[in-house]
């Protein structure tokens, strides 16, 4: 019985922890109902299947037109091989809270996808996808986020194909 309560706690705690990190006011609207029911996941899956993307594992390569939004949402992020706050057992506020797995940007610069690790009680992966636009007021050359989708999971892939397959299974 204790094990079942632990498993249920993990399935309740981890998603709520993931969602709470996006509650900052970074001028991005997350429609949690659309995200919960995957109403906008088809848009991003279609883009992954039909568009051309550049993949990078270096946070320094994140385009300037989205970097400010990410800095607001997530703060600093470590690259693979760098120290980061992987656990909550020992907290070091000088370390980034997240570890970049990779990010994708399409050729038209209107879809940005980032996959990163989040530590704490249990380490897990967050997939954040954003549809970007030049509509509205552009501050500091930052694109606006027209729509977003995110999920926490235990995804460990490193390629566009693996991400597409993972999201397709999640959407079924």
Protein backbone atom coordinates (compact mmCIF):
# COMPACT_ATOMS: atom_id res chain seq x y z
CA UNK A 1 0.00 0.00 0.00
CA UNK A 2 2.84 2.40 0.84
CA UNK A 3 4.41 1.74 -2.56
CA UNK A 4 1.15 2.55 -4.37
CA UNK A 5 0.84 5.84 -2.44
CA UNK A 6 4.45 6.68 -3.34
CA UNK A 7 3.83 6.00 -7.05
CA UNK A 8 0.64 8.08 -7.00
CA UNK A 9 2.48 10.90 -5.23
CA UNK A 10 5.20 10.86 -7.90
CA UNK A 11 2.64 11.05 -10.71
CA UNK A 12 0.87 13.93 -8.99
CA UNK A 13 3.93 15.79 -7.73
CA UNK A 14 6.17 15.69 -10.81
CA UNK A 15 3.62 17.13 -13.27
CA UNK A 16 2.54 19.84 -10.82
CA UNK A 17 6.20 20.73 -10.25
CA UNK A 18 6.73 20.98 -14.00
CA UNK A 19 3.70 23.17 -14.53
CA UNK A 20 4.50 25.43 -11.59
CA UNK A 21 7.81 26.46 -13.10
CA UNK A 22 5.91 28.19 -15.92
CA UNK A 23 3.75 30.32 -13.62
CA UNK A 24 6.17 33.27 -13.88
CA UNK A 25 4.93 36.32 -15.74
CA UNK A 26 7.13 36.20 -18.83
CA UNK A 27 4.46 37.50 -21.19
CA UNK A 28 3.64 33.96 -22.32
CA UNK A 29 0.15 32.52 -22.04
CA UNK A 30 -0.01 28.80 -21.33
CA UNK A 31 -3.48 27.42 -22.00
CA UNK A 32 -3.27 24.52 -19.58
CA UNK A 33 -6.58 23.05 -20.76
CA UNK A 34 -5.28 22.84 -24.36
CA UNK A 35 -1.99 21.42 -23.13
CA UNK A 36 -3.58 18.88 -20.77
CA UNK A 37 -5.79 17.50 -23.55
CA UNK A 38 -3.05 17.85 -26.22
CA UNK A 39 -5.29 20.05 -28.37
CA UNK A 40 -2.30 21.91 -29.80
CA UNK A 41 0.14 18.98 -29.93
CA UNK A 42 -0.86 18.10 -33.52
CA UNK A 43 0.41 21.49 -34.73
CA UNK A 44 3.87 20.86 -33.26
CA UNK A 45 3.96 17.21 -34.41
CA UNK A 46 3.08 18.27 -37.93
CA UNK A 47 5.91 20.83 -37.87
CA UNK A 48 8.36 18.20 -36.60
CA UNK A 49 7.34 15.80 -39.37
CA UNK A 50 7.28 18.28 -42.27
CA UNK A 51 9.58 21.19 -41.41
CA UNK A 52 13.36 21.42 -41.40
CA UNK A 53 14.94 21.96 -37.98
CA UNK A 54 18.40 22.74 -36.68
CA UNK A 55 19.38 20.80 -33.54
CA UNK A 56 21.87 22.09 -30.97
CA UNK A 57 23.05 20.94 -27.54
CA UNK A 58 24.77 24.22 -26.68
CA UNK A 59 22.80 26.81 -24.71
CA UNK A 60 25.03 29.54 -26.20
CA UNK A 61 23.49 28.77 -29.60
CA UNK A 62 19.93 29.62 -28.46
CA UNK A 63 18.76 32.38 -30.82
CA UNK A 64 18.65 35.87 -29.34
CA UNK A 65 14.99 36.33 -30.35
CA UNK A 66 13.91 33.65 -27.83
CA UNK A 67 16.71 33.74 -25.25
CA UNK A 68 15.05 36.44 -23.11
CA UNK A 69 11.83 34.42 -22.85
CA UNK A 70 13.75 31.30 -21.82
CA UNK A 71 15.85 33.20 -19.31
CA UNK A 72 12.64 34.55 -17.77
CA UNK A 73 10.95 31.12 -17.64
CA UNK A 74 13.87 28.93 -16.67
CA UNK A 75 16.84 30.99 -15.58
CA UNK A 76 20.32 29.78 -16.40
CA UNK A 77 20.76 26.31 -17.87
CA UNK A 78 23.79 24.01 -17.90
CA UNK A 79 25.20 22.29 -20.95
CA UNK A 80 25.99 18.58 -20.92
CA UNK A 81 29.06 17.95 -18.76
CA UNK A 82 28.56 21.08 -16.62
CA UNK A 83 27.46 21.08 -12.99
CA UNK A 84 23.78 21.76 -12.32
CA UNK A 85 21.30 21.41 -9.44
CA UNK A 86 20.41 17.77 -10.04
CA UNK A 87 18.98 17.00 -6.62
CA UNK A 88 17.24 18.76 -3.78
CA UNK A 89 19.22 16.84 -1.16
CA UNK A 90 22.10 19.33 -1.38
CA UNK A 91 21.06 22.73 -2.73
CA UNK A 92 23.66 25.00 -4.30
CA UNK A 93 22.02 28.25 -5.42
CA UNK A 94 25.02 29.05 -7.63
CA UNK A 95 24.21 26.16 -9.96
CA UNK A 96 21.66 26.24 -12.80
CA UNK A 97 18.41 24.41 -12.05
CA UNK A 98 18.21 22.75 -15.49
CA UNK A 99 20.40 20.73 -17.86
CA UNK A 100 19.92 21.25 -21.60
CA UNK A 101 19.46 18.03 -23.58
CA UNK A 102 18.93 19.83 -26.89
CA UNK A 103 16.86 22.46 -28.63
CA UNK A 104 15.40 22.76 -32.11
CA UNK A 105 14.56 25.78 -34.24
CA UNK A 106 12.92 25.55 -37.65
CA UNK A 107 14.15 27.44 -40.75
CA UNK A 108 11.36 30.04 -40.60
CA UNK A 109 12.18 30.72 -36.90
CA UNK A 110 8.56 30.30 -35.84
CA UNK A 111 8.85 27.02 -33.89
CA UNK A 112 11.28 26.60 -31.01
CA UNK A 113 11.49 23.34 -29.05
CA UNK A 114 13.66 22.78 -26.01
CA UNK A 115 14.23 19.53 -24.13
CA UNK A 116 15.92 19.78 -20.76
CA UNK A 117 16.41 17.87 -17.51
CA UNK A 118 14.94 19.11 -14.25
CA UNK A 119 16.22 17.88 -10.89
CA UNK A 120 14.70 17.73 -7.45
CA UNK A 121 13.03 14.79 -5.75
CA UNK A 122 13.13 12.88 -9.02
CA UNK A 123 15.06 13.89 -12.12
CA UNK A 124 12.86 14.14 -15.21
CA UNK A 125 12.73 15.68 -18.67
CA UNK A 126 10.66 18.66 -19.74
CA UNK A 127 9.70 19.21 -23.37
CA UNK A 128 8.67 22.79 -24.12
CA UNK A 129 7.47 23.75 -27.60
CA UNK A 130 6.63 27.30 -28.62
CA UNK A 131 5.03 28.78 -31.71
CA UNK A 132 6.68 32.17 -32.21
CA UNK A 133 5.37 35.25 -33.97
CA UNK A 134 6.44 38.77 -34.82
CA UNK A 135 2.90 40.04 -34.14
CA UNK A 136 2.29 42.47 -31.33
CA UNK A 137 4.79 44.56 -29.44
CA UNK A 138 8.32 43.25 -29.87
CA UNK A 139 10.52 44.11 -26.88
CA UNK A 140 14.31 43.82 -27.21
CA UNK A 141 13.97 41.94 -30.53
CA UNK A 142 12.24 39.05 -28.74
CA UNK A 143 9.60 37.15 -30.68
CA UNK A 144 6.24 36.70 -29.02
CA UNK A 145 4.94 33.25 -28.09
CA UNK A 146 1.65 32.66 -29.89
CA UNK A 147 1.08 29.16 -28.51
CA UNK A 148 2.97 26.73 -26.29
CA UNK A 149 2.86 23.08 -25.28
CA UNK A 150 4.88 21.36 -22.57
CA UNK A 151 5.12 18.03 -20.87
CA UNK A 152 7.23 16.29 -18.30
CA UNK A 153 8.41 12.78 -19.02
CA UNK A 154 11.34 10.45 -18.77
CA UNK A 155 12.33 11.04 -22.41
CA UNK A 156 16.05 10.47 -22.94
CA UNK A 157 16.27 10.75 -26.73
CA UNK A 158 18.69 12.99 -28.55
CA UNK A 159 17.31 13.19 -32.09
CA UNK A 160 14.38 14.83 -33.85
CA UNK A 161 13.10 11.40 -34.90
CA UNK A 162 13.14 10.09 -31.32
CA UNK A 163 11.31 13.20 -30.10
CA UNK A 164 8.71 12.89 -32.87
CA UNK A 165 8.11 9.22 -32.05
CA UNK A 166 7.83 9.99 -28.32
CA UNK A 167 5.32 12.79 -28.89
CA UNK A 168 3.32 10.71 -31.37
CA UNK A 169 2.93 7.96 -28.72
CA UNK A 170 1.95 10.61 -26.17
CA UNK A 171 -0.69 11.97 -28.55
CA UNK A 172 -2.29 8.55 -29.24
